C-alpha atoms as a PDB file:
ATOM      1  CA  MET A   1      18.243  -1.762  -4.366  1.00  0.00           C
ATOM      2  CA  SER A   2      15.919  -1.033  -7.228  1.00  0.00           C
ATOM      3  CA  ASN A   3      12.813   0.991  -7.928  1.00  0.00           C
ATOM      4  CA  PHE A   4      10.928  -2.292  -7.940  1.00  0.00           C
ATOM      5  CA  SER A   5      12.210  -2.995  -4.432  1.00  0.00           C
ATOM      6  CA  ASP A   6      11.173   0.479  -3.299  1.00  0.00           C
ATOM      7  CA  MET A   7       7.647  -0.011  -4.624  1.00  0.00           C
ATOM      8  CA  VAL A   8       7.270  -3.415  -2.985  1.00  0.00           C
ATOM      9  CA  LYS A   9       8.483  -1.988   0.330  1.00  0.00           C
ATOM     10  CA  TYR A  10       6.254   1.085   0.034  1.00  0.00           C
ATOM     11  CA  ILE A  11       3.243  -1.152  -0.519  1.00  0.00           C
ATOM     12  CA  GLY A  12       4.344  -3.140   2.531  1.00  0.00           C
ATOM     13  CA  LEU A  13       4.705  -6.566   0.979  1.00  0.00           C
ATOM     14  CA  SER A  14       7.164  -9.179   2.178  1.00  0.00           C
ATOM     15  CA  ILE A  15       9.054 -11.237  -0.393  1.00  0.00           C
ATOM     16  CA  ASP A  16       6.568 -14.102   0.070  1.00  0.00           C
ATOM     17  CA  GLU A  17       3.556 -11.790  -0.221  1.00  0.00           C
ATOM     18  CA  ALA A  18       4.963 -10.050  -3.305  1.00  0.00           C
ATOM     19  CA  ALA A  19       5.547 -13.416  -4.970  1.00  0.00           C
ATOM     20  CA  ALA A  20       1.983 -14.509  -4.179  1.00  0.00           C
ATOM     21  CA  ALA A  21       0.413 -11.168  -5.179  1.00  0.00           C
ATOM     22  CA  LEU A  22       2.333 -10.987  -8.444  1.00  0.00           C
ATOM     23  CA  ASP A  23       2.097 -14.729  -9.161  1.00  0.00           C
ATOM     24  CA  VAL A  24       5.840 -15.199  -9.609  1.00  0.00           C
ATOM     25  CA  SER A  25       8.538 -17.071  -7.715  1.00  0.00           C
ATOM     26  CA  LYS A  26      10.300 -15.661  -4.665  1.00  0.00           C
ATOM     27  CA  ASP A  27      13.548 -15.952  -6.616  1.00  0.00           C
ATOM     28  CA  GLU A  28      12.195 -13.557  -9.253  1.00  0.00           C
ATOM     29  CA  ILE A  29      11.157 -11.053  -6.591  1.00  0.00           C
ATOM     30  CA  VAL A  30      14.597 -11.196  -4.983  1.00  0.00           C
ATOM     31  CA  ARG A  31      16.325 -10.830  -8.364  1.00  0.00           C
ATOM     32  CA  TRP A  32      14.207  -7.807  -9.321  1.00  0.00           C
ATOM     33  CA  CYS A  33      14.840  -6.253  -5.890  1.00  0.00           C
ATOM     34  CA  ASP A  34      18.575  -6.867  -5.717  1.00  0.00           C
ATOM     35  CA  THR A  35      19.739  -6.400  -9.295  1.00  0.00           C
ATOM     36  CA  SER A  36      19.197  -3.955 -12.117  1.00  0.00           C
ATOM     37  CA  GLU A  37      17.044  -6.507 -13.938  1.00  0.00           C
ATOM     38  CA  ALA A  38      13.533  -5.121 -14.255  1.00  0.00           C
ATOM     39  CA  PRO A  39      10.325  -7.137 -14.151  1.00  0.00           C
ATOM     40  CA  PRO A  40       8.035  -7.287 -17.173  1.00  0.00           C
ATOM     41  CA  LEU A  41       5.475  -4.547 -17.780  1.00  0.00           C
ATOM     42  CA  HIS A  42       2.524  -6.568 -16.434  1.00  0.00           C
ATOM     43  CA  ILE A  43       4.279  -6.772 -13.039  1.00  0.00           C
ATOM     44  CA  TRP A  44       4.694  -2.979 -12.932  1.00  0.00           C
ATOM     45  CA  GLN A  45       1.021  -2.622 -13.887  1.00  0.00           C
ATOM     46  CA  CYS A  46      -0.017  -4.885 -11.015  1.00  0.00           C
ATOM     47  CA  LEU A  47       2.002  -2.778  -8.574  1.00  0.00           C
ATOM     48  CA  VAL A  48       0.342   0.362  -9.926  1.00  0.00           C
ATOM     49  CA  ARG A  49      -3.098  -1.215  -9.379  1.00  0.00           C
ATOM     50  CA  MET A  50      -2.116  -2.028  -5.809  1.00  0.00           C
ATOM     51  CA  LEU A  51      -0.919   1.534  -5.225  1.00  0.00           C
ATOM     52  CA  ASP A  52      -4.177   2.856  -6.668  1.00  0.00           C
ATOM     53  CA  GLU A  53      -6.190   0.601  -4.347  1.00  0.00           C
ATOM     54  CA  ILE A  54      -4.193   1.866  -1.369  1.00  0.00           C
ATOM     55  CA  ARG A  55      -4.612   5.513  -2.402  1.00  0.00           C
ATOM     56  CA  ILE A  56      -8.348   5.165  -3.027  1.00  0.00           C
ATOM     57  CA  SER A  57      -8.867   3.417   0.298  1.00  0.00           C
ATOM     58  CA  ALA A  58      -6.973   6.150   2.138  1.00  0.00           C
ATOM     59  CA  GLU A  59      -8.885   8.896   0.336  1.00  0.00           C
ATOM     60  CA  GLU A  60     -12.253   7.300   1.100  1.00  0.00           C
ATOM     61  CA  ALA A  61     -11.359   6.898   4.779  1.00  0.00           C
ATOM     62  CA  ALA A  62     -10.306  10.526   5.018  1.00  0.00           C
ATOM     63  CA  LYS A  63     -13.432  11.725   3.199  1.00  0.00           C
ATOM     64  CA  SER A  64     -15.732   9.772   5.493  1.00  0.00           C
ATOM     65  CA  ALA A  65     -14.275  11.235   8.697  1.00  0.00           C
ATOM     66  CA  ASP A  66     -16.293  13.835  10.572  1.00  0.00           C
ATOM     67  CA  LEU A  67     -13.686  16.593  10.613  1.00  0.00           C
ATOM     68  CA  ASP A  68     -15.766  18.808  12.918  1.00  0.00           C
ATOM     69  CA  GLN A  69     -15.678  16.141  15.615  1.00  0.00           C
ATOM     70  CA  LEU A  70     -12.174  14.809  14.956  1.00  0.00           C
ATOM     71  CA  GLU A  71      -9.783  14.723  17.898  1.00  0.00           C
ATOM     72  CA  ALA A  72      -6.103  13.866  17.821  1.00  0.00           C
ATOM     73  CA  SER A  73      -6.757  10.635  19.740  1.00  0.00           C
ATOM     74  CA  ASP A  74      -9.028   9.495  16.896  1.00  0.00           C
ATOM     75  CA  LEU A  75      -6.006   9.238  14.614  1.00  0.00           C
ATOM     76  CA  ASN A  76      -4.791   6.200  16.508  1.00  0.00           C
ATOM     77  CA  ARG A  77      -8.100   4.417  15.911  1.00  0.00           C
ATOM     78  CA  VAL A  78      -8.350   4.725  12.131  1.00  0.00           C
ATOM     79  CA  ASN A  79      -9.159   1.273  10.796  1.00  0.00           C
ATOM     80  CA  LEU A  80      -9.917   0.565   7.186  1.00  0.00           C
ATOM     81  CA  THR A  81      -9.912  -2.119   4.567  1.00  0.00           C
ATOM     82  CA  VAL A  82      -8.311  -2.004   1.159  1.00  0.00           C
ATOM     83  CA  PRO A  83     -10.717  -2.817  -1.645  1.00  0.00           C
ATOM     84  CA  GLY A  84      -9.688  -4.713  -4.732  1.00  0.00           C
ATOM     85  CA  GLN A  85      -8.203  -8.074  -5.411  1.00  0.00           C
ATOM     86  CA  ALA A  86      -4.540  -7.175  -5.619  1.00  0.00           C
ATOM     87  CA  ALA A  87      -3.976  -5.545  -2.242  1.00  0.00           C
ATOM     88  CA  ALA A  88      -6.852  -6.658  -0.031  1.00  0.00           C
ATOM     89  CA  GLU A  89      -5.473  -9.968   1.156  1.00  0.00           C
ATOM     90  CA  PHE A  90      -2.181  -8.652   2.568  1.00  0.00           C
ATOM     91  CA  ASP A  91      -1.512  -6.657   5.741  1.00  0.00           C
ATOM     92  CA  GLY A  92       1.136  -4.376   4.219  1.00  0.00           C
ATOM     93  CA  PRO A  93      -1.218  -2.548   1.850  1.00  0.00           C
ATOM     94  CA  LYS A  94      -3.694  -2.063   4.682  1.00  0.00           C
ATOM     95  CA  ARG A  95      -0.944  -0.530   6.826  1.00  0.00           C
ATOM     96  CA  ALA A  96       0.100   1.732   3.938  1.00  0.00           C
ATOM     97  CA  ALA A  97      -3.477   2.884   3.318  1.00  0.00           C
ATOM     98  CA  THR A  98      -4.043   3.489   7.019  1.00  0.00           C
ATOM     99  CA  ALA A  99      -0.843   5.539   7.260  1.00  0.00           C
ATOM    100  CA  MET A 100      -1.902   7.643   4.268  1.00  0.00           C
ATOM    101  CA  ALA A 101      -5.387   8.191   5.712  1.00  0.00           C
ATOM    102  CA  VAL A 102      -3.990   9.156   9.117  1.00  0.00           C
ATOM    103  CA  ALA A 103      -1.535  11.574   7.493  1.00  0.00           C
ATOM    104  CA  THR A 104      -4.356  13.179   5.548  1.00  0.00           C
ATOM    105  CA  LEU A 105      -6.529  13.505   8.660  1.00  0.00           C
ATOM    106  CA  ALA A 106      -3.625  14.803  10.766  1.00  0.00           C
ATOM    107  CA  ARG A 107      -3.394  17.799   8.450  1.00  0.00           C
ATOM    108  CA  VAL A 108      -6.591  19.033  10.093  1.00  0.00           C
ATOM    109  CA  PHE A 109      -4.518  19.815  13.189  1.00  0.00           C
ATOM    110  CA  VAL A 110      -1.726  21.633  11.368  1.00  0.00           C
END
Protein backbone atom coordinates (compact mmCIF):
# COMPACT_ATOMS: atom_id res chain seq x y z
CA MET A 1 0.00 0.00 0.00
CA SER A 2 0.98 3.59 -0.54
CA ASN A 3 -0.19 7.04 0.43
CA PHE A 4 -1.42 7.40 -3.13
CA SER A 5 -3.54 4.27 -2.67
CA ASP A 6 -4.92 5.62 0.60
CA MET A 7 -5.94 8.89 -1.04
CA VAL A 8 -7.62 7.16 -3.97
CA LYS A 9 -9.53 4.90 -1.57
CA TYR A 10 -10.48 7.81 0.71
CA ILE A 11 -11.89 9.68 -2.28
CA GLY A 12 -13.79 6.51 -3.18
CA LEU A 13 -12.46 5.93 -6.67
CA SER A 14 -12.10 2.51 -8.24
CA ILE A 15 -8.99 1.76 -10.30
CA ASP A 16 -10.94 2.46 -13.51
CA GLU A 17 -12.38 5.72 -12.14
CA ALA A 18 -8.99 6.89 -10.86
CA ALA A 19 -7.44 6.21 -14.26
CA ALA A 20 -10.21 8.17 -16.00
CA ALA A 21 -10.19 11.04 -13.47
CA LEU A 22 -6.41 11.39 -13.57
CA ASP A 23 -6.13 10.71 -17.31
CA VAL A 24 -3.59 7.91 -16.93
CA SER A 25 -3.61 4.17 -17.59
CA LYS A 26 -4.99 1.63 -15.13
CA ASP A 27 -1.52 0.09 -15.04
CA GLU A 28 -0.08 3.36 -13.72
CA ILE A 29 -2.74 3.56 -11.01
CA VAL A 30 -2.03 -0.01 -9.93
CA ARG A 31 1.74 0.61 -9.92
CA TRP A 32 1.39 3.78 -7.82
CA CYS A 33 -0.95 1.95 -5.42
CA ASP A 34 1.08 -1.23 -5.03
CA THR A 35 4.67 -0.03 -5.12
CA SER A 36 6.74 2.73 -3.59
CA GLU A 37 6.84 4.53 -6.95
CA ALA A 38 5.10 7.87 -6.59
CA PRO A 39 3.05 9.61 -9.26
CA PRO A 40 4.14 12.96 -10.66
CA LEU A 41 3.24 16.18 -8.85
CA HIS A 42 0.34 17.05 -11.18
CA ILE A 43 -1.38 13.79 -10.16
CA TRP A 44 -1.07 14.68 -6.46
CA GLN A 45 -2.44 18.15 -7.26
CA CYS A 46 -5.46 16.63 -8.99
CA LEU A 47 -6.17 14.46 -5.95
CA VAL A 48 -5.92 17.52 -3.71
CA ARG A 49 -8.44 19.35 -5.93
CA MET A 50 -10.79 16.38 -5.64
CA LEU A 51 -10.41 16.34 -1.85
CA ASP A 52 -11.10 20.07 -1.75
CA GLU A 53 -14.25 19.61 -3.84
CA ILE A 54 -15.44 16.88 -1.47
CA ARG A 55 -14.70 18.98 1.62
CA ILE A 56 -16.40 22.09 0.22
CA SER A 57 -19.47 20.10 -0.80
CA ALA A 58 -19.73 18.56 2.67
CA GLU A 59 -19.28 21.92 4.37
CA GLU A 60 -21.94 23.57 2.20
CA ALA A 61 -24.41 20.75 2.88
CA ALA A 62 -23.84 21.03 6.62
CA LYS A 63 -24.15 24.82 6.55
CA SER A 64 -27.44 24.70 4.67
CA ALA A 65 -29.11 22.33 7.14
CA ASP A 66 -31.71 23.74 9.51
CA LEU A 67 -30.10 22.63 12.76
CA ASP A 68 -33.09 23.72 14.86
CA GLN A 69 -35.33 21.30 12.98
CA LEU A 70 -32.79 18.51 12.45
CA GLU A 71 -33.77 15.04 13.63
CA ALA A 72 -31.59 11.96 13.72
CA SER A 73 -33.66 10.35 10.95
CA ASP A 74 -32.74 13.26 8.67
CA LEU A 75 -29.13 12.08 8.66
CA ASN A 76 -30.07 9.10 6.53
CA ARG A 77 -31.60 11.38 3.89
CA VAL A 78 -28.68 13.72 3.26
CA ASN A 79 -28.22 13.91 -0.49
CA LEU A 80 -25.77 16.22 -2.17
CA THR A 81 -23.76 16.74 -5.29
CA VAL A 82 -20.06 17.39 -5.56
CA PRO A 83 -19.24 20.49 -7.57
CA GLY A 84 -16.21 20.74 -9.80
CA GLN A 85 -14.93 18.84 -12.75
CA ALA A 86 -12.58 16.43 -11.04
CA ALA A 87 -14.91 14.71 -8.60
CA ALA A 88 -18.43 15.35 -9.85
CA GLU A 89 -18.72 12.54 -12.36
CA PHE A 90 -17.87 9.68 -9.98
CA ASP A 91 -19.96 8.11 -7.21
CA GLY A 92 -17.09 7.66 -4.75
CA PRO A 93 -16.48 11.37 -4.16
CA LYS A 94 -20.20 11.90 -3.67
CA ARG A 95 -20.26 9.13 -1.06
CA ALA A 96 -17.22 10.65 0.68
CA ALA A 97 -18.77 14.13 0.73
CA THR A 98 -22.07 12.76 2.00
CA ALA A 99 -20.30 10.85 4.78
CA MET A 100 -18.42 13.99 5.82
CA ALA A 101 -21.61 16.08 5.80
CA VAL A 102 -23.50 13.48 7.83
CA ALA A 103 -20.65 13.28 10.35
CA THR A 104 -20.67 17.04 10.71
CA LEU A 105 -24.44 17.14 11.19
CA ALA A 106 -24.39 14.19 13.61
CA ARG A 107 -22.26 16.27 15.96
CA VAL A 108 -25.41 18.26 16.70
CA PHE A 109 -26.67 15.24 18.66
CA VAL A 110 -23.48 14.69 20.65
